[in-house]
Every structure is written in C-alpha cells, then in structure tokens.
Amino acid sequence: MQKVLILLLISLAVAYAAPDPRGLVINLENGELCLNSMQCKSKCCHRDSGLSLARCAVKAPENSECSSRSLYGVYYKCPCERGLSCEGDKSIVGSITNTNFGVCLDVGRSKE
C-alpha cells in the first residue's frame, strides 16, 4: 500500500511540475482515458462495458439514453446536456449497479 501511495505522489508531482499541467490529469478532451467524470471537460467519463476502458465523452442529446447519476463517477450512459432532464425509473439497486437509465427530455418544452 505504501508503494502505491508513493507512486501516486510521484505521478502527481510530475503532472504539476509540467509548465501547463491542464490535460494531464484534469480538463481531458473527449476520447482521452479517464478514471472519473471530474477529469473530463464534458464531465462524462464513459465506458461501454465493465471490462472496457473509460474515456471522456459528450453528454447525451435530447431523446437519447442517459444516466441521471453515478456513484462511481463513470457512466455506461452519459448524463444529459444542459437544459435536459434524464427521465426514467430510478432505484437503489440501479444506482449501485449503474443501470438506472432513462431518456433525455426537455422538461420545459413539455410543459408548454
């Protein structure tokens, strides 16, 4: 455990020693490998399956599948674009297994 912690600290020191550290650990572009959605400019770290690598991806447009929230910071379906709401079934088990999927809808438009 100590070796892992030392390796992590060295990696962070190298990343912050670079003249422009943006893009090494945070502010990642779409398509770059990520560990958590907070690293991505789009705020969506997406993976296709449990065995695939996660990459930054664009948020879900209107009428496409979405996830409302992820406990782990990695999504199987990205959350909706700004102004849209992910409408669908939500359960505690779905939150844990990351299977609470819905559809992105413009809730403001449906009330008119």
PDB file of N, CA and C in Angstrom:
ATOM      1  N   MET A   1       0.826  -1.188   0.000  1.00  0.00           N
ATOM      2  CA  MET A   1       0.000   0.000   0.000  1.00  0.00           C
ATOM      3  C   MET A   1       0.870   1.252   0.000  1.00  0.00           C
ATOM      4  N   GLN A   2       1.962   1.236   0.741  1.00  0.00           N
ATOM      5  CA  GLN A   2       2.848   2.396   0.787  1.00  0.00           C
ATOM      6  C   GLN A   2       3.484   2.655  -0.576  1.00  0.00           C
ATOM      7  N   LYS A   3       3.820   1.591  -1.302  1.00  0.00           N
ATOM      8  CA  LYS A   3       4.430   1.749  -2.627  1.00  0.00           C
ATOM      9  C   LYS A   3       3.452   2.402  -3.598  1.00  0.00           C
ATOM     10  N   VAL A   4       2.199   2.018  -3.507  1.00  0.00           N
ATOM     11  CA  VAL A   4       1.171   2.601  -4.380  1.00  0.00           C
ATOM     12  C   VAL A   4       1.002   4.090  -4.061  1.00  0.00           C
ATOM     13  N   LEU A   5       0.989   4.432  -2.791  1.00  0.00           N
ATOM     14  CA  LEU A   5       0.852   5.821  -2.377  1.00  0.00           C
ATOM     15  C   LEU A   5       2.049   6.654  -2.852  1.00  0.00           C
ATOM     16  N   ILE A   6       3.244   6.125  -2.731  1.00  0.00           N
ATOM     17  CA  ILE A   6       4.443   6.833  -3.187  1.00  0.00           C
ATOM     18  C   ILE A   6       4.400   7.025  -4.697  1.00  0.00           C
ATOM     19  N   LEU A   7       3.993   5.996  -5.428  1.00  0.00           N
ATOM     20  CA  LEU A   7       3.889   6.095  -6.877  1.00  0.00           C
ATOM     21  C   LEU A   7       2.864   7.153  -7.285  1.00  0.00           C
ATOM     22  N   LEU A   8       1.745   7.209  -6.588  1.00  0.00           N
ATOM     23  CA  LEU A   8       0.723   8.212  -6.858  1.00  0.00           C
ATOM     24  C   LEU A   8       1.254   9.611  -6.590  1.00  0.00           C
ATOM     25  N   LEU A   9       1.947   9.807  -5.488  1.00  0.00           N
ATOM     26  CA  LEU A   9       2.502  11.123  -5.161  1.00  0.00           C
ATOM     27  C   LEU A   9       3.547  11.562  -6.181  1.00  0.00           C
ATOM     28  N   ILE A  10       4.366  10.645  -6.644  1.00  0.00           N
ATOM     29  CA  ILE A  10       5.364  10.972  -7.663  1.00  0.00           C
ATOM     30  C   ILE A  10       4.680  11.354  -8.969  1.00  0.00           C
ATOM     31  N   SER A  11       3.629  10.619  -9.332  1.00  0.00           N
ATOM     32  CA  SER A  11       2.881  10.928 -10.563  1.00  0.00           C
ATOM     33  C   SER A  11       2.260  12.311 -10.497  1.00  0.00           C
ATOM     34  N   LEU A  12       1.680  12.646  -9.356  1.00  0.00           N
ATOM     35  CA  LEU A  12       1.084  13.974  -9.199  1.00  0.00           C
ATOM     36  C   LEU A  12       2.144  15.068  -9.236  1.00  0.00           C
ATOM     37  N   ALA A  13       3.303  14.813  -8.627  1.00  0.00           N
ATOM     38  CA  ALA A  13       4.387  15.795  -8.646  1.00  0.00           C
ATOM     39  C   ALA A  13       4.863  16.050 -10.070  1.00  0.00           C
ATOM     40  N   VAL A  14       4.982  15.006 -10.868  1.00  0.00           N
ATOM     41  CA  VAL A  14       5.404  15.156 -12.262  1.00  0.00           C
ATOM     42  C   VAL A  14       4.348  15.917 -13.055  1.00  0.00           C
ATOM     43  N   ALA A  15       3.081  15.608 -12.820  1.00  0.00           N
ATOM     44  CA  ALA A  15       1.999  16.280 -13.543  1.00  0.00           C
ATOM     45  C   ALA A  15       1.965  17.771 -13.230  1.00  0.00           C
ATOM     46  N   TYR A  16       2.157  18.140 -11.973  1.00  0.00           N
ATOM     47  CA  TYR A  16       2.117  19.548 -11.596  1.00  0.00           C
ATOM     48  C   TYR A  16       3.415  20.285 -11.896  1.00  0.00           C
ATOM     49  N   ALA A  17       4.500  19.565 -12.142  1.00  0.00           N
ATOM     50  CA  ALA A  17       5.771  20.198 -12.495  1.00  0.00           C
ATOM     51  C   ALA A  17       5.797  20.641 -13.950  1.00  0.00           C
ATOM     52  N   ALA A  18       4.919  20.076 -14.768  1.00  0.00           N
ATOM     53  CA  ALA A  18       4.853  20.461 -16.185  1.00  0.00           C
ATOM     54  C   ALA A  18       4.427  21.920 -16.283  1.00  0.00           C
ATOM     55  N   PRO A  19       4.924  22.659 -17.288  1.00  0.00           N
ATOM     56  CA  PRO A  19       4.581  24.077 -17.399  1.00  0.00           C
ATOM     57  C   PRO A  19       3.092  24.340 -17.563  1.00  0.00           C
ATOM     58  N   ASP A  20       2.380  23.473 -18.267  1.00  0.00           N
ATOM     59  CA  ASP A  20       0.941  23.612 -18.433  1.00  0.00           C
ATOM     60  C   ASP A  20       0.296  22.268 -18.114  1.00  0.00           C
ATOM     61  N   PRO A  21      -0.016  21.998 -16.824  1.00  0.00           N
ATOM     62  CA  PRO A  21      -0.487  20.673 -16.429  1.00  0.00           C
ATOM     63  C   PRO A  21      -1.893  20.337 -16.893  1.00  0.00           C
ATOM     64  N   ARG A  22      -2.655  21.329 -17.395  1.00  0.00           N
ATOM     65  CA  ARG A  22      -4.012  21.029 -17.834  1.00  0.00           C
ATOM     66  C   ARG A  22      -3.971  19.989 -18.943  1.00  0.00           C
ATOM     67  N   GLY A  23      -4.820  19.003 -18.866  1.00  0.00           N
ATOM     68  CA  GLY A  23      -4.879  17.957 -19.869  1.00  0.00           C
ATOM     69  C   GLY A  23      -4.110  16.710 -19.486  1.00  0.00           C
ATOM     70  N   LEU A  24      -3.307  16.772 -18.428  1.00  0.00           N
ATOM     71  CA  LEU A  24      -2.605  15.577 -17.971  1.00  0.00           C
ATOM     72  C   LEU A  24      -3.469  14.780 -17.008  1.00  0.00           C
ATOM     73  N   VAL A  25      -4.155  15.481 -16.116  1.00  0.00           N
ATOM     74  CA  VAL A  25      -4.975  14.825 -15.106  1.00  0.00           C
ATOM     75  C   VAL A  25      -6.403  15.352 -15.127  1.00  0.00           C
ATOM     76  N   ILE A  26      -6.569  16.639 -15.443  1.00  0.00           N
ATOM     77  CA  ILE A  26      -7.898  17.254 -15.485  1.00  0.00           C
ATOM     78  C   ILE A  26      -8.083  17.953 -16.826  1.00  0.00           C
ATOM     79  N   ASN A  27      -9.299  18.395 -17.097  1.00  0.00           N
ATOM     80  CA  ASN A  27      -9.648  19.065 -18.357  1.00  0.00           C
ATOM     81  C   ASN A  27      -9.334  18.196 -19.569  1.00  0.00           C
ATOM     82  N   LEU A  28      -9.618  16.905 -19.468  1.00  0.00           N
ATOM     83  CA  LEU A  28      -9.348  15.986 -20.564  1.00  0.00           C
ATOM     84  C   LEU A  28     -10.352  16.179 -21.691  1.00  0.00           C
ATOM     85  N   GLU A  29      -9.889  16.053 -22.912  1.00  0.00           N
ATOM     86  CA  GLU A  29     -10.741  16.175 -24.096  1.00  0.00           C
ATOM     87  C   GLU A  29     -11.517  14.874 -24.321  1.00  0.00           C
ATOM     88  N   ASN A  30     -12.559  14.930 -25.133  1.00  0.00           N
ATOM     89  CA  ASN A  30     -13.331  13.733 -25.474  1.00  0.00           C
ATOM     90  C   ASN A  30     -12.427  12.718 -26.165  1.00  0.00           C
ATOM     91  N   GLY A  31     -12.546  11.457 -25.757  1.00  0.00           N
ATOM     92  CA  GLY A  31     -11.749  10.383 -26.327  1.00  0.00           C
ATOM     93  C   GLY A  31     -10.532  10.021 -25.484  1.00  0.00           C
ATOM     94  N   GLU A  32     -10.147  10.881 -24.538  1.00  0.00           N
ATOM     95  CA  GLU A  32      -8.996  10.582 -23.689  1.00  0.00           C
ATOM     96  C   GLU A  32      -9.410   9.673 -22.540  1.00  0.00           C
ATOM     97  N   LEU A  33      -8.491   8.817 -22.104  1.00  0.00           N
ATOM     98  CA  LEU A  33      -8.756   7.899 -20.999  1.00  0.00           C
ATOM     99  C   LEU A  33      -8.980   8.669 -19.706  1.00  0.00           C
ATOM    100  N   CYS A  34      -9.918   8.185 -18.888  1.00  0.00           N
ATOM    101  CA  CYS A  34     -10.234   8.855 -17.629  1.00  0.00           C
ATOM    102  C   CYS A  34     -10.555   7.823 -16.556  1.00  0.00           C
ATOM    103  N   LEU A  35     -10.515   8.265 -15.313  1.00  0.00           N
ATOM    104  CA  LEU A  35     -10.882   7.426 -14.175  1.00  0.00           C
ATOM    105  C   LEU A  35     -12.156   7.914 -13.501  1.00  0.00           C
ATOM    106  N   ASN A  36     -12.490   9.209 -13.718  1.00  0.00           N
ATOM    107  CA  ASN A  36     -13.634   9.813 -13.075  1.00  0.00           C
ATOM    108  C   ASN A  36     -14.151  10.948 -13.947  1.00  0.00           C
ATOM    109  N   SER A  37     -15.426  11.221 -13.883  1.00  0.00           N
ATOM    110  CA  SER A  37     -16.029  12.260 -14.722  1.00  0.00           C
ATOM    111  C   SER A  37     -15.510  13.655 -14.412  1.00  0.00           C
ATOM    112  N   MET A  38     -15.019  13.882 -13.212  1.00  0.00           N
ATOM    113  CA  MET A  38     -14.494  15.198 -12.855  1.00  0.00           C
ATOM    114  C   MET A  38     -13.240  15.544 -13.651  1.00  0.00           C
ATOM    115  N   GLN A  39     -12.578  14.571 -14.240  1.00  0.00           N
ATOM    116  CA  GLN A  39     -11.387  14.817 -15.040  1.00  0.00           C
ATOM    117  C   GLN A  39     -11.724  15.369 -16.420  1.00  0.00           C
ATOM    118  N   CYS A  40     -12.912  15.114 -16.908  1.00  0.00           N
ATOM    119  CA  CYS A  40     -13.292  15.447 -18.282  1.00  0.00           C
ATOM    120  C   CYS A  40     -13.879  16.852 -18.382  1.00  0.00           C
ATOM    121  N   LYS A  41     -13.584  17.534 -19.484  1.00  0.00           N
ATOM    122  CA  LYS A  41     -14.201  18.833 -19.737  1.00  0.00           C
ATOM    123  C   LYS A  41     -15.712  18.687 -19.839  1.00  0.00           C
ATOM    124  N   SER A  42     -16.160  17.587 -20.436  1.00  0.00           N
ATOM    125  CA  SER A  42     -17.599  17.354 -20.619  1.00  0.00           C
ATOM    126  C   SER A  42     -18.280  16.850 -19.348  1.00  0.00           C
ATOM    127  N   LYS A  43     -17.497  16.477 -18.343  1.00  0.00           N
ATOM    128  CA  LYS A  43     -17.998  15.913 -17.074  1.00  0.00           C
ATOM    129  C   LYS A  43     -18.694  14.569 -17.279  1.00  0.00           C
ATOM    130  N   CYS A  44     -18.249  13.805 -18.307  1.00  0.00           N
ATOM    131  CA  CYS A  44     -18.768  12.459 -18.520  1.00  0.00           C
ATOM    132  C   CYS A  44     -17.635  11.516 -18.870  1.00  0.00           C
ATOM    133  N   CYS A  45     -17.300  10.629 -17.940  1.00  0.00           N
ATOM    134  CA  CYS A  45     -16.324   9.566 -18.171  1.00  0.00           C
ATOM    135  C   CYS A  45     -17.152   8.316 -18.472  1.00  0.00           C
ATOM    136  N   HIS A  46     -17.082   7.838 -19.710  1.00  0.00           N
ATOM    137  CA  HIS A  46     -17.993   6.813 -20.225  1.00  0.00           C
ATOM    138  C   HIS A  46     -17.256   5.526 -20.563  1.00  0.00           C
ATOM    139  N   ARG A  47     -17.901   4.393 -20.266  1.00  0.00           N
ATOM    140  CA  ARG A  47     -17.378   3.088 -20.690  1.00  0.00           C
ATOM    141  C   ARG A  47     -18.514   2.279 -21.270  1.00  0.00           C
ATOM    142  N   ASP A  48     -18.173   1.423 -22.251  1.00  0.00           N
ATOM    143  CA  ASP A  48     -19.195   0.613 -22.920  1.00  0.00           C
ATOM    144  C   ASP A  48     -19.608  -0.596 -22.098  1.00  0.00           C
ATOM    145  N   SER A  49     -18.647  -1.197 -21.392  1.00  0.00           N
ATOM    146  CA  SER A  49     -18.941  -2.380 -20.574  1.00  0.00           C
ATOM    147  C   SER A  49     -18.042  -2.363 -19.346  1.00  0.00           C
ATOM    148  N   GLY A  50     -18.255  -3.303 -18.459  1.00  0.00           N
ATOM    149  CA  GLY A  50     -17.454  -3.383 -17.248  1.00  0.00           C
ATOM    150  C   GLY A  50     -15.992  -3.689 -17.492  1.00  0.00           C
ATOM    151  N   LEU A  51     -15.665  -4.242 -18.646  1.00  0.00           N
ATOM    152  CA  LEU A  51     -14.280  -4.598 -18.958  1.00  0.00           C
ATOM    153  C   LEU A  51     -13.585  -3.594 -19.870  1.00  0.00           C
ATOM    154  N   SER A  52     -14.312  -2.619 -20.380  1.00  0.00           N
ATOM    155  CA  SER A  52     -13.709  -1.657 -21.309  1.00  0.00           C
ATOM    156  C   SER A  52     -13.061  -0.499 -20.553  1.00  0.00           C
ATOM    157  N   LEU A  53     -12.161   0.201 -21.229  1.00  0.00           N
ATOM    158  CA  LEU A  53     -11.528   1.381 -20.660  1.00  0.00           C
ATOM    159  C   LEU A  53     -12.491   2.555 -20.755  1.00  0.00           C
ATOM    160  N   ALA A  54     -12.473   3.407 -19.749  1.00  0.00           N
ATOM    161  CA  ALA A  54     -13.345   4.577 -19.742  1.00  0.00           C
ATOM    162  C   ALA A  54     -12.662   5.737 -20.454  1.00  0.00           C
ATOM    163  N   ARG A  55     -13.452   6.467 -21.231  1.00  0.00           N
ATOM    164  CA  ARG A  55     -12.951   7.625 -21.970  1.00  0.00           C
ATOM    165  C   ARG A  55     -13.932   8.777 -21.815  1.00  0.00           C
ATOM    166  N   CYS A  56     -13.417   9.990 -21.896  1.00  0.00           N
ATOM    167  CA  CYS A  56     -14.277  11.168 -21.851  1.00  0.00           C
ATOM    168  C   CYS A  56     -15.180  11.173 -23.082  1.00  0.00           C
ATOM    169  N   ALA A  57     -16.437  11.552 -22.894  1.00  0.00           N
ATOM    170  CA  ALA A  57     -17.411  11.554 -23.988  1.00  0.00           C
ATOM    171  C   ALA A  57     -18.343  12.752 -23.842  1.00  0.00           C
ATOM    172  N   VAL A  58     -19.033  13.088 -24.937  1.00  0.00           N
ATOM    173  CA  VAL A  58     -20.004  14.184 -24.908  1.00  0.00           C
ATOM    174  C   VAL A  58     -21.228  13.761 -24.114  1.00  0.00           C
ATOM    175  N   LYS A  59     -21.923  14.735 -23.559  1.00  0.00           N
ATOM    176  CA  LYS A  59     -23.152  14.439 -22.833  1.00  0.00           C
ATOM    177  C   LYS A  59     -24.252  14.047 -23.809  1.00  0.00           C
ATOM    178  N   ALA A  60     -25.249  13.351 -23.298  1.00  0.00           N
ATOM    179  CA  ALA A  60     -26.326  12.808 -24.132  1.00  0.00           C
ATOM    180  C   ALA A  60     -27.252  13.913 -24.638  1.00  0.00           C
ATOM    181  N   PRO A  61     -27.568  13.908 -25.956  1.00  0.00           N
ATOM    182  CA  PRO A  61     -28.509  14.884 -26.515  1.00  0.00           C
ATOM    183  C   PRO A  61     -29.960  14.483 -26.232  1.00  0.00           C
ATOM    184  N   GLU A  62     -30.884  15.319 -26.640  1.00  0.00           N
ATOM    185  CA  GLU A  62     -32.315  15.065 -26.422  1.00  0.00           C
ATOM    186  C   GLU A  62     -32.752  13.767 -27.098  1.00  0.00           C
ATOM    187  N   ASN A  63     -33.631  13.023 -26.444  1.00  0.00           N
ATOM    188  CA  ASN A  63     -34.210  11.755 -26.900  1.00  0.00           C
ATOM    189  C   ASN A  63     -33.204  10.613 -26.992  1.00  0.00           C
ATOM    190  N   SER A  64     -32.095  10.690 -26.290  1.00  0.00           N
ATOM    191  CA  SER A  64     -31.153   9.570 -26.260  1.00  0.00           C
ATOM    192  C   SER A  64     -31.061   9.027 -24.831  1.00  0.00           C
ATOM    193  N   GLU A  65     -30.527   7.795 -24.704  1.00  0.00           N
ATOM    194  CA  GLU A  65     -30.422   7.173 -23.389  1.00  0.00           C
ATOM    195  C   GLU A  65     -29.428   7.923 -22.506  1.00  0.00           C
ATOM    196  N   CYS A  66     -29.710   7.907 -21.206  1.00  0.00           N
ATOM    197  CA  CYS A  66     -28.874   8.649 -20.262  1.00  0.00           C
ATOM    198  C   CYS A  66     -28.868   7.975 -18.897  1.00  0.00           C
ATOM    199  N   SER A  67     -27.932   8.393 -18.073  1.00  0.00           N
ATOM    200  CA  SER A  67     -27.885   8.040 -16.655  1.00  0.00           C
ATOM    201  C   SER A  67     -28.040   9.338 -15.881  1.00  0.00           C
ATOM    202  N   SER A  68     -28.826   9.314 -14.831  1.00  0.00           N
ATOM    203  CA  SER A  68     -29.016  10.547 -14.070  1.00  0.00           C
ATOM    204  C   SER A  68     -27.862  10.794 -13.112  1.00  0.00           C
ATOM    205  N   ARG A  69     -27.274   9.731 -12.569  1.00  0.00           N
ATOM    206  CA  ARG A  69     -26.197   9.891 -11.594  1.00  0.00           C
ATOM    207  C   ARG A  69     -25.408   8.593 -11.502  1.00  0.00           C
ATOM    208  N   SER A  70     -24.129   8.715 -11.170  1.00  0.00           N
ATOM    209  CA  SER A  70     -23.281   7.542 -10.972  1.00  0.00           C
ATOM    210  C   SER A  70     -22.575   7.658  -9.633  1.00  0.00           C
ATOM    211  N   LEU A  71     -22.631   6.610  -8.838  1.00  0.00           N
ATOM    212  CA  LEU A  71     -21.932   6.614  -7.549  1.00  0.00           C
ATOM    213  C   LEU A  71     -20.422   6.566  -7.726  1.00  0.00           C
ATOM    214  N   TYR A  72     -19.966   6.037  -8.842  1.00  0.00           N
ATOM    215  CA  TYR A  72     -18.542   5.793  -9.046  1.00  0.00           C
ATOM    216  C   TYR A  72     -17.862   6.832  -9.920  1.00  0.00           C
ATOM    217  N   GLY A  73     -18.609   7.735 -10.538  1.00  0.00           N
ATOM    218  CA  GLY A  73     -18.025   8.753 -11.392  1.00  0.00           C
ATOM    219  C   GLY A  73     -17.745   8.294 -12.806  1.00  0.00           C
ATOM    220  N   VAL A  74     -18.156   7.072 -13.160  1.00  0.00           N
ATOM    221  CA  VAL A  74     -18.005   6.545 -14.513  1.00  0.00           C
ATOM    222  C   VAL A  74     -19.383   6.068 -14.966  1.00  0.00           C
ATOM    223  N   TYR A  75     -19.768   6.449 -16.174  1.00  0.00           N
ATOM    224  CA  TYR A  75     -21.108   6.159 -16.685  1.00  0.00           C
ATOM    225  C   TYR A  75     -21.092   5.126 -17.800  1.00  0.00           C
ATOM    226  N   TYR A  76     -22.164   4.327 -17.885  1.00  0.00           N
ATOM    227  CA  TYR A  76     -22.406   3.481 -19.059  1.00  0.00           C
ATOM    228  C   TYR A  76     -23.212   4.268 -20.083  1.00  0.00           C
ATOM    229  N   LYS A  77     -23.982   5.237 -19.637  1.00  0.00           N
ATOM    230  CA  LYS A  77     -24.708   6.192 -20.486  1.00  0.00           C
ATOM    231  C   LYS A  77     -24.441   7.562 -19.884  1.00  0.00           C
ATOM    232  N   CYS A  78     -23.990   8.504 -20.692  1.00  0.00           N
ATOM    233  CA  CYS A  78     -23.659   9.838 -20.180  1.00  0.00           C
ATOM    234  C   CYS A  78     -24.909  10.571 -19.712  1.00  0.00           C
ATOM    235  N   PRO A  79     -24.739  11.504 -18.767  1.00  0.00           N
ATOM    236  CA  PRO A  79     -25.875  12.327 -18.359  1.00  0.00           C
ATOM    237  C   PRO A  79     -26.273  13.280 -19.486  1.00  0.00           C
ATOM    238  N   CYS A  80     -27.410  13.906 -19.332  1.00  0.00           N
ATOM    239  CA  CYS A  80     -27.963  14.781 -20.380  1.00  0.00           C
ATOM    240  C   CYS A  80     -27.208  16.095 -20.495  1.00  0.00           C
ATOM    241  N   GLU A  81     -27.336  16.690 -21.701  1.00  0.00           N
ATOM    242  CA  GLU A  81     -26.807  18.027 -21.936  1.00  0.00           C
ATOM    243  C   GLU A  81     -27.541  19.022 -21.040  1.00  0.00           C
ATOM    244  N   ARG A  82     -26.959  20.192 -20.900  1.00  0.00           N
ATOM    245  CA  ARG A  82     -27.551  21.248 -20.079  1.00  0.00           C
ATOM    246  C   ARG A  82     -28.954  21.592 -20.586  1.00  0.00           C
ATOM    247  N   GLY A  83     -29.893  21.731 -19.648  1.00  0.00           N
ATOM    248  CA  GLY A  83     -31.265  22.077 -20.002  1.00  0.00           C
ATOM    249  C   GLY A  83     -32.170  20.873 -20.209  1.00  0.00           C
ATOM    250  N   LEU A  84     -31.590  19.673 -20.209  1.00  0.00           N
ATOM    251  CA  LEU A  84     -32.382  18.450 -20.378  1.00  0.00           C
ATOM    252  C   LEU A  84     -32.410  17.684 -19.068  1.00  0.00           C
ATOM    253  N   SER A  85     -33.416  16.847 -18.915  1.00  0.00           N
ATOM    254  CA  SER A  85     -33.567  16.033 -17.716  1.00  0.00           C
ATOM    255  C   SER A  85     -33.630  14.562 -18.103  1.00  0.00           C
ATOM    256  N   CYS A  86     -32.971  13.713 -17.323  1.00  0.00           N
ATOM    257  CA  CYS A  86     -32.966  12.275 -17.578  1.00  0.00           C
ATOM    258  C   CYS A  86     -34.184  11.665 -16.898  1.00  0.00           C
ATOM    259  N   GLU A  87     -35.212  11.377 -17.693  1.00  0.00           N
ATOM    260  CA  GLU A  87     -36.467  10.853 -17.167  1.00  0.00           C
ATOM    261  C   GLU A  87     -36.502   9.333 -17.316  1.00  0.00           C
ATOM    262  N   GLY A  88     -36.689   8.627 -16.205  1.00  0.00           N
ATOM    263  CA  GLY A  88     -36.760   7.176 -16.230  1.00  0.00           C
ATOM    264  C   GLY A  88     -36.868   6.625 -14.826  1.00  0.00           C
ATOM    265  N   ASP A  89     -36.922   5.312 -14.725  1.00  0.00           N
ATOM    266  CA  ASP A  89     -37.012   4.654 -13.424  1.00  0.00           C
ATOM    267  C   ASP A  89     -35.705   4.803 -12.669  1.00  0.00           C
ATOM    268  N   LYS A  90     -35.809   5.022 -11.364  1.00  0.00           N
ATOM    269  CA  LYS A  90     -34.635   5.132 -10.513  1.00  0.00           C
ATOM    270  C   LYS A  90     -34.832   4.219  -9.313  1.00  0.00           C
ATOM    271  N   SER A  91     -33.805   3.435  -9.006  1.00  0.00           N
ATOM    272  CA  SER A  91     -33.878   2.545  -7.857  1.00  0.00           C
ATOM    273  C   SER A  91     -32.529   2.532  -7.147  1.00  0.00           C
ATOM    274  N   ILE A  92     -32.523   2.079  -5.918  1.00  0.00           N
ATOM    275  CA  ILE A  92     -31.279   1.989  -5.150  1.00  0.00           C
ATOM    276  C   ILE A  92     -30.360   0.948  -5.775  1.00  0.00           C
ATOM    277  N   VAL A  93     -30.903  -0.193  -6.160  1.00  0.00           N
ATOM    278  CA  VAL A  93     -30.097  -1.245  -6.787  1.00  0.00           C
ATOM    279  C   VAL A  93     -29.529  -0.745  -8.114  1.00  0.00           C
ATOM    280  N   GLY A  94     -30.320  -0.020  -8.887  1.00  0.00           N
ATOM    281  CA  GLY A  94     -29.850   0.543 -10.145  1.00  0.00           C
ATOM    282  C   GLY A  94     -28.729   1.542  -9.947  1.00  0.00           C
ATOM    283  N   SER A  95     -28.778   2.299  -8.832  1.00  0.00           N
ATOM    284  CA  SER A  95     -27.698   3.241  -8.530  1.00  0.00           C
ATOM    285  C   SER A  95     -26.403   2.508  -8.219  1.00  0.00           C
ATOM    286  N   ILE A  96     -26.489   1.416  -7.504  1.00  0.00           N
ATOM    287  CA  ILE A  96     -25.300   0.646  -7.138  1.00  0.00           C
ATOM    288  C   ILE A  96     -24.711  -0.063  -8.348  1.00  0.00           C
ATOM    289  N   THR A  97     -25.575  -0.637  -9.188  1.00  0.00           N
ATOM    290  CA  THR A  97     -25.100  -1.395 -10.350  1.00  0.00           C
ATOM    291  C   THR A  97     -24.942  -0.528 -11.600  1.00  0.00           C
ATOM    292  N   ASN A  98     -25.229   0.765 -11.483  1.00  0.00           N
ATOM    293  CA  ASN A  98     -25.082   1.715 -12.582  1.00  0.00           C
ATOM    294  C   ASN A  98     -25.970   1.339 -13.776  1.00  0.00           C
ATOM    295  N   THR A  99     -27.227   0.976 -13.484  1.00  0.00           N
ATOM    296  CA  THR A  99     -28.165   0.592 -14.541  1.00  0.00           C
ATOM    297  C   THR A  99     -29.442   1.427 -14.532  1.00  0.00           C
ATOM    298  N   ASN A 100     -29.432   2.568 -13.863  1.00  0.00           N
ATOM    299  CA  ASN A 100     -30.592   3.457 -13.875  1.00  0.00           C
ATOM    300  C   ASN A 100     -30.549   4.301 -15.141  1.00  0.00           C
ATOM    301  N   PHE A 101     -31.099   3.790 -16.231  1.00  0.00           N
ATOM    302  CA  PHE A 101     -31.081   4.506 -17.490  1.00  0.00           C
ATOM    303  C   PHE A 101     -32.432   5.144 -17.743  1.00  0.00           C
ATOM    304  N   GLY A 102     -32.409   6.245 -18.456  1.00  0.00           N
ATOM    305  CA  GLY A 102     -33.624   6.937 -18.833  1.00  0.00           C
ATOM    306  C   GLY A 102     -33.441   7.533 -20.220  1.00  0.00           C
ATOM    307  N   VAL A 103     -34.260   8.534 -20.539  1.00  0.00           N
ATOM    308  CA  VAL A 103     -34.194   9.227 -21.820  1.00  0.00           C
ATOM    309  C   VAL A 103     -34.113  10.726 -21.538  1.00  0.00           C
ATOM    310  N   CYS A 104     -33.241  11.425 -22.261  1.00  0.00           N
ATOM    311  CA  CYS A 104     -33.090  12.874 -22.089  1.00  0.00           C
ATOM    312  C   CYS A 104     -34.295  13.590 -22.696  1.00  0.00           C
ATOM    313  N   LEU A 105     -34.975  14.375 -21.862  1.00  0.00           N
ATOM    314  CA  LEU A 105     -36.138  15.124 -22.322  1.00  0.00           C
ATOM    315  C   LEU A 105     -36.008  16.584 -21.905  1.00  0.00           C
ATOM    316  N   ASP A 106     -36.570  17.471 -22.720  1.00  0.00           N
ATOM    317  CA  ASP A 106     -36.614  18.892 -22.397  1.00  0.00           C
ATOM    318  C   ASP A 106     -37.881  19.114 -21.606  1.00  0.00           C
ATOM    319  N   VAL A 107     -37.778  19.167 -20.288  1.00  0.00           N
ATOM    320  CA  VAL A 107     -38.968  19.276 -19.435  1.00  0.00           C
ATOM    321  C   VAL A 107     -39.647  20.618 -19.599  1.00  0.00           C
ATOM    322  N   GLY A 108     -38.915  21.666 -19.965  1.00  0.00           N
ATOM    323  CA  GLY A 108     -39.517  22.981 -20.193  1.00  0.00           C
ATOM    324  C   GLY A 108     -40.425  22.989 -21.395  1.00  0.00           C
ATOM    325  N   ARG A 109     -40.064  22.239 -22.426  1.00  0.00           N
ATOM    326  CA  ARG A 109     -40.862  22.192 -23.661  1.00  0.00           C
ATOM    327  C   ARG A 109     -42.152  21.406 -23.444  1.00  0.00           C
ATOM    328  N   SER A 110     -42.118  20.359 -22.634  1.00  0.00           N
ATOM    329  CA  SER A 110     -43.305  19.509 -22.441  1.00  0.00           C
ATOM    330  C   SER A 110     -44.380  20.213 -21.596  1.00  0.00           C
ATOM    331  N   LYS A 111     -44.005  21.262 -20.833  1.00  0.00           N
ATOM    332  CA  LYS A 111     -44.978  21.967 -20.005  1.00  0.00           C
ATOM    333  C   LYS A 111     -45.727  23.047 -20.766  1.00  0.00           C
ATOM    334  N   GLU A 112     -45.243  23.387 -21.965  1.00  0.00           N
ATOM    335  CA  GLU A 112     -45.890  24.464 -22.731  1.00  0.00           C
ATOM    336  C   GLU A 112     -47.194  24.036 -23.336  1.00  0.00           C
TER     337      GLU A 112
END
